[in-house]
Amino acid sequence: MRTGVGEIRNGDGVYGLRRALVLAGSETQMISLWPVSDASTRDLVVEYYAALMKGAGRAEALRRVQLTMLKTQARAHPYYWASFSSSSGQWAGLTLDR
């Protein structure tokens, strides 16, 4: 799914999942610009959250994961990691209530 691409509707303008998430109160959105396999998306998201839990900022966590994927033979092609962007919202690390 291309979550970063909006849909044009008469009278509504361009609305996408990103805008809906902002209106719902999400702090940050990670979007994809083209469809990516479920397996590589899972790998990216698992590593992204692991980096967040270690204190990385949101944009930095995504950058680290993308660089790691670039260095692995199975996921080195940009198809697997370049689609994802942390394009809006809070960039800093998570504030966890424990």
PDB file of N, CA and C in Angstrom:
ATOM      1  N   MET A   1       0.838  -1.181   0.000  1.00  0.00           N
ATOM      2  CA  MET A   1       0.000   0.000   0.000  1.00  0.00           C
ATOM      3  C   MET A   1       0.879   1.238   0.000  1.00  0.00           C
ATOM      4  N   ARG A   2       0.511   2.214  -0.784  1.00  0.00           N
ATOM      5  CA  ARG A   2       1.237   3.487  -0.824  1.00  0.00           C
ATOM      6  C   ARG A   2       0.543   4.456   0.124  1.00  0.00           C
ATOM      7  N   THR A   3       0.922   4.445   1.388  1.00  0.00           N
ATOM      8  CA  THR A   3       0.227   5.256   2.386  1.00  0.00           C
ATOM      9  C   THR A   3       0.529   6.737   2.266  1.00  0.00           C
ATOM     10  N   GLY A   4       1.566   7.105   1.533  1.00  0.00           N
ATOM     11  CA  GLY A   4       1.932   8.502   1.390  1.00  0.00           C
ATOM     12  C   GLY A   4       1.328   9.167   0.175  1.00  0.00           C
ATOM     13  N   VAL A   5       0.492   8.457  -0.553  1.00  0.00           N
ATOM     14  CA  VAL A   5      -0.105   8.999  -1.766  1.00  0.00           C
ATOM     15  C   VAL A   5      -1.585   9.227  -1.499  1.00  0.00           C
ATOM     16  N   GLY A   6      -2.031  10.444  -1.704  1.00  0.00           N
ATOM     17  CA  GLY A   6      -3.419  10.791  -1.431  1.00  0.00           C
ATOM     18  C   GLY A   6      -4.364  10.342  -2.520  1.00  0.00           C
ATOM     19  N   GLU A   7      -5.626  10.489  -2.248  1.00  0.00           N
ATOM     20  CA  GLU A   7      -6.677  10.112  -3.184  1.00  0.00           C
ATOM     21  C   GLU A   7      -7.487  11.368  -3.519  1.00  0.00           C
ATOM     22  N   ILE A   8      -7.757  11.601  -4.787  1.00  0.00           N
ATOM     23  CA  ILE A   8      -8.496  12.787  -5.203  1.00  0.00           C
ATOM     24  C   ILE A   8      -9.986  12.456  -5.240  1.00  0.00           C
ATOM     25  N   ARG A   9     -10.777  13.273  -4.565  1.00  0.00           N
ATOM     26  CA  ARG A   9     -12.233  13.099  -4.545  1.00  0.00           C
ATOM     27  C   ARG A   9     -12.884  14.446  -4.834  1.00  0.00           C
ATOM     28  N   ASN A  10     -13.981  14.446  -5.551  1.00  0.00           N
ATOM     29  CA  ASN A  10     -14.703  15.677  -5.839  1.00  0.00           C
ATOM     30  C   ASN A  10     -15.099  16.388  -4.554  1.00  0.00           C
ATOM     31  N   GLY A  11     -14.763  17.658  -4.467  1.00  0.00           N
ATOM     32  CA  GLY A  11     -15.170  18.477  -3.337  1.00  0.00           C
ATOM     33  C   GLY A  11     -14.334  18.304  -2.083  1.00  0.00           C
ATOM     34  N   ASP A  12     -13.504  17.273  -2.013  1.00  0.00           N
ATOM     35  CA  ASP A  12     -12.727  17.012  -0.813  1.00  0.00           C
ATOM     36  C   ASP A  12     -11.261  17.386  -0.949  1.00  0.00           C
ATOM     37  N   GLY A  13     -10.765  17.598  -2.141  1.00  0.00           N
ATOM     38  CA  GLY A  13      -9.340  17.828  -2.320  1.00  0.00           C
ATOM     39  C   GLY A  13      -8.581  16.523  -2.243  1.00  0.00           C
ATOM     40  N   VAL A  14      -7.326  16.605  -1.844  1.00  0.00           N
ATOM     41  CA  VAL A  14      -6.496  15.404  -1.739  1.00  0.00           C
ATOM     42  C   VAL A  14      -6.388  14.994  -0.275  1.00  0.00           C
ATOM     43  N   TYR A  15      -6.896  13.816   0.032  1.00  0.00           N
ATOM     44  CA  TYR A  15      -6.829  13.271   1.387  1.00  0.00           C
ATOM     45  C   TYR A  15      -6.128  11.925   1.326  1.00  0.00           C
ATOM     46  N   GLY A  16      -5.268  11.679   2.237  1.00  0.00           N
ATOM     47  CA  GLY A  16      -4.593  10.403   2.322  1.00  0.00           C
ATOM     48  C   GLY A  16      -4.611   9.917   3.751  1.00  0.00           C
ATOM     49  N   LEU A  17      -4.082   8.772   3.935  1.00  0.00           N
ATOM     50  CA  LEU A  17      -4.003   8.195   5.265  1.00  0.00           C
ATOM     51  C   LEU A  17      -3.196   9.093   6.203  1.00  0.00           C
ATOM     52  N   ARG A  18      -2.171   9.731   5.666  1.00  0.00           N
ATOM     53  CA  ARG A  18      -1.332  10.607   6.483  1.00  0.00           C
ATOM     54  C   ARG A  18      -2.147  11.720   7.137  1.00  0.00           C
ATOM     55  N   ARG A  19      -2.983  12.369   6.366  1.00  0.00           N
ATOM     56  CA  ARG A  19      -3.805  13.456   6.907  1.00  0.00           C
ATOM     57  C   ARG A  19      -4.797  12.929   7.938  1.00  0.00           C
ATOM     58  N   ALA A  20      -5.381  11.787   7.671  1.00  0.00           N
ATOM     59  CA  ALA A  20      -6.327  11.190   8.617  1.00  0.00           C
ATOM     60  C   ALA A  20      -5.633  10.882   9.948  1.00  0.00           C
ATOM     61  N   LEU A  21      -4.401  10.402   9.895  1.00  0.00           N
ATOM     62  CA  LEU A  21      -3.666  10.107  11.125  1.00  0.00           C
ATOM     63  C   LEU A  21      -3.346  11.375  11.905  1.00  0.00           C
ATOM     64  N   VAL A  22      -3.000  12.450  11.215  1.00  0.00           N
ATOM     65  CA  VAL A  22      -2.737  13.731  11.876  1.00  0.00           C
ATOM     66  C   VAL A  22      -3.999  14.214  12.573  1.00  0.00           C
ATOM     67  N   LEU A  23      -5.119  14.148  11.886  1.00  0.00           N
ATOM     68  CA  LEU A  23      -6.385  14.587  12.477  1.00  0.00           C
ATOM     69  C   LEU A  23      -6.786  13.726  13.670  1.00  0.00           C
ATOM     70  N   ALA A  24      -6.361  12.464  13.670  1.00  0.00           N
ATOM     71  CA  ALA A  24      -6.681  11.559  14.775  1.00  0.00           C
ATOM     72  C   ALA A  24      -5.739  11.739  15.962  1.00  0.00           C
ATOM     73  N   GLY A  25      -4.672  12.547  15.783  1.00  0.00           N
ATOM     74  CA  GLY A  25      -3.793  12.858  16.897  1.00  0.00           C
ATOM     75  C   GLY A  25      -2.462  12.129  16.929  1.00  0.00           C
ATOM     76  N   SER A  26      -2.107  11.439  15.872  1.00  0.00           N
ATOM     77  CA  SER A  26      -0.811  10.747  15.881  1.00  0.00           C
ATOM     78  C   SER A  26       0.325  11.763  15.894  1.00  0.00           C
ATOM     79  N   GLU A  27       1.399  11.429  16.592  1.00  0.00           N
ATOM     80  CA  GLU A  27       2.543  12.331  16.701  1.00  0.00           C
ATOM     81  C   GLU A  27       3.432  12.291  15.472  1.00  0.00           C
ATOM     82  N   THR A  28       3.584  11.119  14.886  1.00  0.00           N
ATOM     83  CA  THR A  28       4.491  10.924  13.760  1.00  0.00           C
ATOM     84  C   THR A  28       3.879   9.920  12.798  1.00  0.00           C
ATOM     85  N   GLN A  29       4.153  10.106  11.528  1.00  0.00           N
ATOM     86  CA  GLN A  29       3.702   9.161  10.519  1.00  0.00           C
ATOM     87  C   GLN A  29       4.894   8.701   9.693  1.00  0.00           C
ATOM     88  N   MET A  30       4.995   7.402   9.523  1.00  0.00           N
ATOM     89  CA  MET A  30       5.970   6.848   8.596  1.00  0.00           C
ATOM     90  C   MET A  30       5.152   6.370   7.396  1.00  0.00           C
ATOM     91  N   ILE A  31       5.458   6.920   6.228  1.00  0.00           N
ATOM     92  CA  ILE A  31       4.673   6.619   5.044  1.00  0.00           C
ATOM     93  C   ILE A  31       5.508   5.825   4.047  1.00  0.00           C
ATOM     94  N   SER A  32       4.813   5.161   3.131  1.00  0.00           N
ATOM     95  CA  SER A  32       5.504   4.484   2.034  1.00  0.00           C
ATOM     96  C   SER A  32       5.043   5.106   0.726  1.00  0.00           C
ATOM     97  N   LEU A  33       5.975   5.243  -0.191  1.00  0.00           N
ATOM     98  CA  LEU A  33       5.685   5.897  -1.460  1.00  0.00           C
ATOM     99  C   LEU A  33       5.357   4.906  -2.573  1.00  0.00           C
ATOM    100  N   TRP A  34       5.617   3.634  -2.347  1.00  0.00           N
ATOM    101  CA  TRP A  34       5.224   2.586  -3.286  1.00  0.00           C
ATOM    102  C   TRP A  34       5.009   1.304  -2.491  1.00  0.00           C
ATOM    103  N   PRO A  35       4.285   0.361  -3.078  1.00  0.00           N
ATOM    104  CA  PRO A  35       4.048  -0.911  -2.365  1.00  0.00           C
ATOM    105  C   PRO A  35       5.359  -1.662  -2.129  1.00  0.00           C
ATOM    106  N   VAL A  36       5.535  -2.171  -0.915  1.00  0.00           N
ATOM    107  CA  VAL A  36       6.713  -2.933  -0.530  1.00  0.00           C
ATOM    108  C   VAL A  36       6.226  -4.249   0.064  1.00  0.00           C
ATOM    109  N   SER A  37       7.014  -5.295  -0.086  1.00  0.00           N
ATOM    110  CA  SER A  37       6.605  -6.607   0.422  1.00  0.00           C
ATOM    111  C   SER A  37       6.338  -6.555   1.921  1.00  0.00           C
ATOM    112  N   ASP A  38       5.406  -7.384   2.362  1.00  0.00           N
ATOM    113  CA  ASP A  38       5.068  -7.448   3.779  1.00  0.00           C
ATOM    114  C   ASP A  38       6.265  -7.874   4.623  1.00  0.00           C
ATOM    115  N   ALA A  39       7.050  -8.813   4.127  1.00  0.00           N
ATOM    116  CA  ALA A  39       8.188  -9.314   4.900  1.00  0.00           C
ATOM    117  C   ALA A  39       9.236  -8.222   5.131  1.00  0.00           C
ATOM    118  N   SER A  40       9.579  -7.473   4.088  1.00  0.00           N
ATOM    119  CA  SER A  40      10.588  -6.423   4.277  1.00  0.00           C
ATOM    120  C   SER A  40      10.026  -5.264   5.091  1.00  0.00           C
ATOM    121  N   THR A  41       8.739  -4.976   4.962  1.00  0.00           N
ATOM    122  CA  THR A  41       8.112  -3.942   5.790  1.00  0.00           C
ATOM    123  C   THR A  41       8.158  -4.362   7.256  1.00  0.00           C
ATOM    124  N   ARG A  42       7.842  -5.617   7.521  1.00  0.00           N
ATOM    125  CA  ARG A  42       7.896  -6.134   8.891  1.00  0.00           C
ATOM    126  C   ARG A  42       9.308  -5.975   9.450  1.00  0.00           C
ATOM    127  N   ASP A  43      10.318  -6.387   8.676  1.00  0.00           N
ATOM    128  CA  ASP A  43      11.707  -6.277   9.131  1.00  0.00           C
ATOM    129  C   ASP A  43      12.065  -4.840   9.460  1.00  0.00           C
ATOM    130  N   LEU A  44      11.681  -3.917   8.588  1.00  0.00           N
ATOM    131  CA  LEU A  44      11.984  -2.511   8.795  1.00  0.00           C
ATOM    132  C   LEU A  44      11.304  -1.989  10.056  1.00  0.00           C
ATOM    133  N   VAL A  45      10.031  -2.285  10.239  1.00  0.00           N
ATOM    134  CA  VAL A  45       9.276  -1.758  11.380  1.00  0.00           C
ATOM    135  C   VAL A  45       9.773  -2.346  12.697  1.00  0.00           C
ATOM    136  N   VAL A  46      10.092  -3.633  12.721  1.00  0.00           N
ATOM    137  CA  VAL A  46      10.608  -4.258  13.944  1.00  0.00           C
ATOM    138  C   VAL A  46      11.918  -3.587  14.358  1.00  0.00           C
ATOM    139  N   GLU A  47      12.815  -3.387  13.410  1.00  0.00           N
ATOM    140  CA  GLU A  47      14.091  -2.745  13.711  1.00  0.00           C
ATOM    141  C   GLU A  47      13.911  -1.264  14.065  1.00  0.00           C
ATOM    142  N   TYR A  48      12.948  -0.618  13.433  1.00  0.00           N
ATOM    143  CA  TYR A  48      12.640   0.786  13.725  1.00  0.00           C
ATOM    144  C   TYR A  48      12.214   0.938  15.188  1.00  0.00           C
ATOM    145  N   TYR A  49      11.278   0.104  15.623  1.00  0.00           N
ATOM    146  CA  TYR A  49      10.825   0.189  17.013  1.00  0.00           C
ATOM    147  C   TYR A  49      11.916  -0.213  17.995  1.00  0.00           C
ATOM    148  N   ALA A  50      12.783  -1.153  17.622  1.00  0.00           N
ATOM    149  CA  ALA A  50      13.909  -1.518  18.483  1.00  0.00           C
ATOM    150  C   ALA A  50      14.829  -0.308  18.672  1.00  0.00           C
ATOM    151  N   ALA A  51      15.097   0.430  17.604  1.00  0.00           N
ATOM    152  CA  ALA A  51      15.923   1.637  17.696  1.00  0.00           C
ATOM    153  C   ALA A  51      15.243   2.699  18.547  1.00  0.00           C
ATOM    154  N   LEU A  52      13.927   2.845  18.405  1.00  0.00           N
ATOM    155  CA  LEU A  52      13.196   3.804  19.240  1.00  0.00           C
ATOM    156  C   LEU A  52      13.293   3.440  20.716  1.00  0.00           C
ATOM    157  N   MET A  53      13.182   2.155  21.013  1.00  0.00           N
ATOM    158  CA  MET A  53      13.233   1.704  22.404  1.00  0.00           C
ATOM    159  C   MET A  53      14.629   1.913  23.018  1.00  0.00           C
ATOM    160  N   LYS A  54      15.644   2.021  22.162  1.00  0.00           N
ATOM    161  CA  LYS A  54      17.003   2.284  22.639  1.00  0.00           C
ATOM    162  C   LYS A  54      17.276   3.787  22.757  1.00  0.00           C
ATOM    163  N   GLY A  55      16.264   4.622  22.444  1.00  0.00           N
ATOM    164  CA  GLY A  55      16.395   6.059  22.640  1.00  0.00           C
ATOM    165  C   GLY A  55      16.659   6.889  21.394  1.00  0.00           C
ATOM    166  N   ALA A  56      16.718   6.274  20.230  1.00  0.00           N
ATOM    167  CA  ALA A  56      16.939   7.036  18.995  1.00  0.00           C
ATOM    168  C   ALA A  56      15.730   7.914  18.696  1.00  0.00           C
ATOM    169  N   GLY A  57      15.975   9.052  18.093  1.00  0.00           N
ATOM    170  CA  GLY A  57      14.877   9.881  17.613  1.00  0.00           C
ATOM    171  C   GLY A  57      14.172   9.165  16.465  1.00  0.00           C
ATOM    172  N   ARG A  58      12.987   9.574  16.153  1.00  0.00           N
ATOM    173  CA  ARG A  58      12.183   8.868  15.146  1.00  0.00           C
ATOM    174  C   ARG A  58      12.805   8.911  13.753  1.00  0.00           C
ATOM    175  N   ALA A  59      13.249  10.080  13.323  1.00  0.00           N
ATOM    176  CA  ALA A  59      13.881  10.188  12.007  1.00  0.00           C
ATOM    177  C   ALA A  59      15.212   9.439  11.999  1.00  0.00           C
ATOM    178  N   GLU A  60      15.969   9.555  13.085  1.00  0.00           N
ATOM    179  CA  GLU A  60      17.263   8.866  13.180  1.00  0.00           C
ATOM    180  C   GLU A  60      17.080   7.353  13.208  1.00  0.00           C
ATOM    181  N   ALA A  61      16.052   6.875  13.893  1.00  0.00           N
ATOM    182  CA  ALA A  61      15.785   5.430  13.941  1.00  0.00           C
ATOM    183  C   ALA A  61      15.517   4.891  12.538  1.00  0.00           C
ATOM    184  N   LEU A  62      14.718   5.604  11.765  1.00  0.00           N
ATOM    185  CA  LEU A  62      14.431   5.168  10.398  1.00  0.00           C
ATOM    186  C   LEU A  62      15.700   5.191   9.560  1.00  0.00           C
ATOM    187  N   ARG A  63      16.496   6.227   9.704  1.00  0.00           N
ATOM    188  CA  ARG A  63      17.758   6.337   8.955  1.00  0.00           C
ATOM    189  C   ARG A  63      18.671   5.158   9.265  1.00  0.00           C
ATOM    190  N   ARG A  64      18.811   4.826  10.545  1.00  0.00           N
ATOM    191  CA  ARG A  64      19.666   3.712  10.956  1.00  0.00           C
ATOM    192  C   ARG A  64      19.196   2.394  10.341  1.00  0.00           C
ATOM    193  N   VAL A  65      17.902   2.164  10.395  1.00  0.00           N
ATOM    194  CA  VAL A  65      17.354   0.923   9.842  1.00  0.00           C
ATOM    195  C   VAL A  65      17.588   0.861   8.340  1.00  0.00           C
ATOM    196  N   GLN A  66      17.365   1.958   7.650  1.00  0.00           N
ATOM    197  CA  GLN A  66      17.577   1.978   6.209  1.00  0.00           C
ATOM    198  C   GLN A  66      19.046   1.707   5.866  1.00  0.00           C
ATOM    199  N   LEU A  67      19.967   2.286   6.615  1.00  0.00           N
ATOM    200  CA  LEU A  67      21.387   2.038   6.374  1.00  0.00           C
ATOM    201  C   LEU A  67      21.751   0.580   6.647  1.00  0.00           C
ATOM    202  N   THR A  68      21.170   0.002   7.677  1.00  0.00           N
ATOM    203  CA  THR A  68      21.406  -1.412   7.975  1.00  0.00           C
ATOM    204  C   THR A  68      20.886  -2.295   6.855  1.00  0.00           C
ATOM    205  N   MET A  69      19.686  -1.995   6.361  1.00  0.00           N
ATOM    206  CA  MET A  69      19.112  -2.785   5.263  1.00  0.00           C
ATOM    207  C   MET A  69      19.966  -2.654   4.005  1.00  0.00           C
ATOM    208  N   LEU A  70      20.484  -1.470   3.762  1.00  0.00           N
ATOM    209  CA  LEU A  70      21.334  -1.236   2.595  1.00  0.00           C
ATOM    210  C   LEU A  70      22.581  -2.129   2.628  1.00  0.00           C
ATOM    211  N   LYS A  71      23.051  -2.432   3.821  1.00  0.00           N
ATOM    212  CA  LYS A  71      24.263  -3.239   3.974  1.00  0.00           C
ATOM    213  C   LYS A  71      24.010  -4.749   3.958  1.00  0.00           C
ATOM    214  N   THR A  72      22.741  -5.161   3.960  1.00  0.00           N
ATOM    215  CA  THR A  72      22.446  -6.597   3.935  1.00  0.00           C
ATOM    216  C   THR A  72      22.167  -7.036   2.510  1.00  0.00           C
ATOM    217  N   GLN A  73      22.670  -8.186   2.160  1.00  0.00           N
ATOM    218  CA  GLN A  73      22.530  -8.660   0.790  1.00  0.00           C
ATOM    219  C   GLN A  73      21.064  -8.841   0.392  1.00  0.00           C
ATOM    220  N   ALA A  74      20.247  -9.374   1.277  1.00  0.00           N
ATOM    221  CA  ALA A  74      18.858  -9.666   0.939  1.00  0.00           C
ATOM    222  C   ALA A  74      17.987  -8.417   0.793  1.00  0.00           C
ATOM    223  N   ARG A  75      18.367  -7.317   1.424  1.00  0.00           N
ATOM    224  CA  ARG A  75      17.536  -6.106   1.421  1.00  0.00           C
ATOM    225  C   ARG A  75      18.276  -4.872   0.906  1.00  0.00           C
ATOM    226  N   ALA A  76      19.378  -5.052   0.205  1.00  0.00           N
ATOM    227  CA  ALA A  76      20.202  -3.920  -0.224  1.00  0.00           C
ATOM    228  C   ALA A  76      19.538  -3.055  -1.295  1.00  0.00           C
ATOM    229  N   HIS A  77      18.706  -3.632  -2.121  1.00  0.00           N
ATOM    230  CA  HIS A  77      18.059  -2.862  -3.192  1.00  0.00           C
ATOM    231  C   HIS A  77      17.128  -1.804  -2.575  1.00  0.00           C
ATOM    232  N   PRO A  78      17.147  -0.583  -3.093  1.00  0.00           N
ATOM    233  CA  PRO A  78      16.307   0.490  -2.552  1.00  0.00           C
ATOM    234  C   PRO A  78      14.804   0.163  -2.511  1.00  0.00           C
ATOM    235  N   TYR A  79      14.356  -0.766  -3.327  1.00  0.00           N
ATOM    236  CA  TYR A  79      12.950  -1.174  -3.303  1.00  0.00           C
ATOM    237  C   TYR A  79      12.511  -1.522  -1.880  1.00  0.00           C
ATOM    238  N   TYR A  80      13.391  -2.147  -1.111  1.00  0.00           N
ATOM    239  CA  TYR A  80      13.034  -2.660   0.213  1.00  0.00           C
ATOM    240  C   TYR A  80      13.018  -1.603   1.310  1.00  0.00           C
ATOM    241  N   TRP A  81      13.750  -0.506   1.149  1.00  0.00           N
ATOM    242  CA  TRP A  81      13.860   0.455   2.251  1.00  0.00           C
ATOM    243  C   TRP A  81      13.640   1.912   1.869  1.00  0.00           C
ATOM    244  N   ALA A  82      13.816   2.269   0.606  1.00  0.00           N
ATOM    245  CA  ALA A  82      13.765   3.680   0.224  1.00  0.00           C
ATOM    246  C   ALA A  82      12.351   4.234   0.131  1.00  0.00           C
ATOM    247  N   SER A  83      11.356   3.383   0.082  1.00  0.00           N
ATOM    248  CA  SER A  83       9.973   3.830  -0.004  1.00  0.00           C
ATOM    249  C   SER A  83       9.513   4.544   1.262  1.00  0.00           C
ATOM    250  N   PHE A  84      10.148   4.233   2.392  1.00  0.00           N
ATOM    251  CA  PHE A  84       9.669   4.711   3.682  1.00  0.00           C
ATOM    252  C   PHE A  84      10.247   6.074   4.040  1.00  0.00           C
ATOM    253  N   SER A  85       9.372   6.914   4.559  1.00  0.00           N
ATOM    254  CA  SER A  85       9.763   8.265   4.930  1.00  0.00           C
ATOM    255  C   SER A  85       9.048   8.657   6.219  1.00  0.00           C
ATOM    256  N   SER A  86       9.780   9.249   7.111  1.00  0.00           N
ATOM    257  CA  SER A  86       9.190   9.834   8.312  1.00  0.00           C
ATOM    258  C   SER A  86       9.036  11.313   8.008  1.00  0.00           C
ATOM    259  N   SER A  87       8.016  11.619   7.227  1.00  0.00           N
ATOM    260  CA  SER A  87       7.954  12.932   6.593  1.00  0.00           C
ATOM    261  C   SER A  87       7.278  14.018   7.406  1.00  0.00           C
ATOM    262  N   SER A  88       6.578  13.654   8.447  1.00  0.00           N
ATOM    263  CA  SER A  88       5.926  14.712   9.214  1.00  0.00           C
ATOM    264  C   SER A  88       5.772  14.275  10.656  1.00  0.00           C
ATOM    265  N   GLY A  89       5.578  15.258  11.497  1.00  0.00           N
ATOM    266  CA  GLY A  89       5.344  14.962  12.897  1.00  0.00           C
ATOM    267  C   GLY A  89       6.581  15.125  13.747  1.00  0.00           C
ATOM    268  N   GLN A  90       6.510  14.579  14.927  1.00  0.00           N
ATOM    269  CA  GLN A  90       7.559  14.676  15.936  1.00  0.00           C
ATOM    270  C   GLN A  90       8.796  13.897  15.480  1.00  0.00           C
ATOM    271  N   TRP A  91       9.959  14.495  15.569  1.00  0.00           N
ATOM    272  CA  TRP A  91      11.188  13.832  15.135  1.00  0.00           C
ATOM    273  C   TRP A  91      11.956  13.232  16.303  1.00  0.00           C
ATOM    274  N   ALA A  92      11.701  13.731  17.505  1.00  0.00           N
ATOM    275  CA  ALA A  92      12.465  13.304  18.679  1.00  0.00           C
ATOM    276  C   ALA A  92      12.084  11.889  19.103  1.00  0.00           C
ATOM    277  N   GLY A  93      12.833  11.363  20.062  1.00  0.00           N
ATOM    278  CA  GLY A  93      12.567  10.027  20.576  1.00  0.00           C
ATOM    279  C   GLY A  93      11.235   9.937  21.294  1.00  0.00           C
ATOM    280  N   LEU A  94      10.850   8.712  21.577  1.00  0.00           N
ATOM    281  CA  LEU A  94       9.594   8.466  22.280  1.00  0.00           C
ATOM    282  C   LEU A  94       9.716   8.836  23.753  1.00  0.00           C
ATOM    283  N   THR A  95       8.625   9.284  24.337  1.00  0.00           N
ATOM    284  CA  THR A  95       8.539   9.473  25.769  1.00  0.00           C
ATOM    285  C   THR A  95       7.684   8.326  26.279  1.00  0.00           C
ATOM    286  N   LEU A  96       8.316   7.400  26.965  1.00  0.00           N
ATOM    287  CA  LEU A  96       7.616   6.195  27.406  1.00  0.00           C
ATOM    288  C   LEU A  96       7.219   6.309  28.865  1.00  0.00           C
ATOM    289  N   ASP A  97       5.964   6.045  29.157  1.00  0.00           N
ATOM    290  CA  ASP A  97       5.484   5.986  30.532  1.00  0.00           C
ATOM    291  C   ASP A  97       5.677   4.549  31.013  1.00  0.00           C
ATOM    292  N   ARG A  98       6.516   4.383  32.006  1.00  0.00           N
ATOM    293  CA  ARG A  98       6.797   3.034  32.499  1.00  0.00           C
ATOM    294  C   ARG A  98       6.392   2.910  33.931  1.00  0.00           C
TER     295      ARG A  98
END
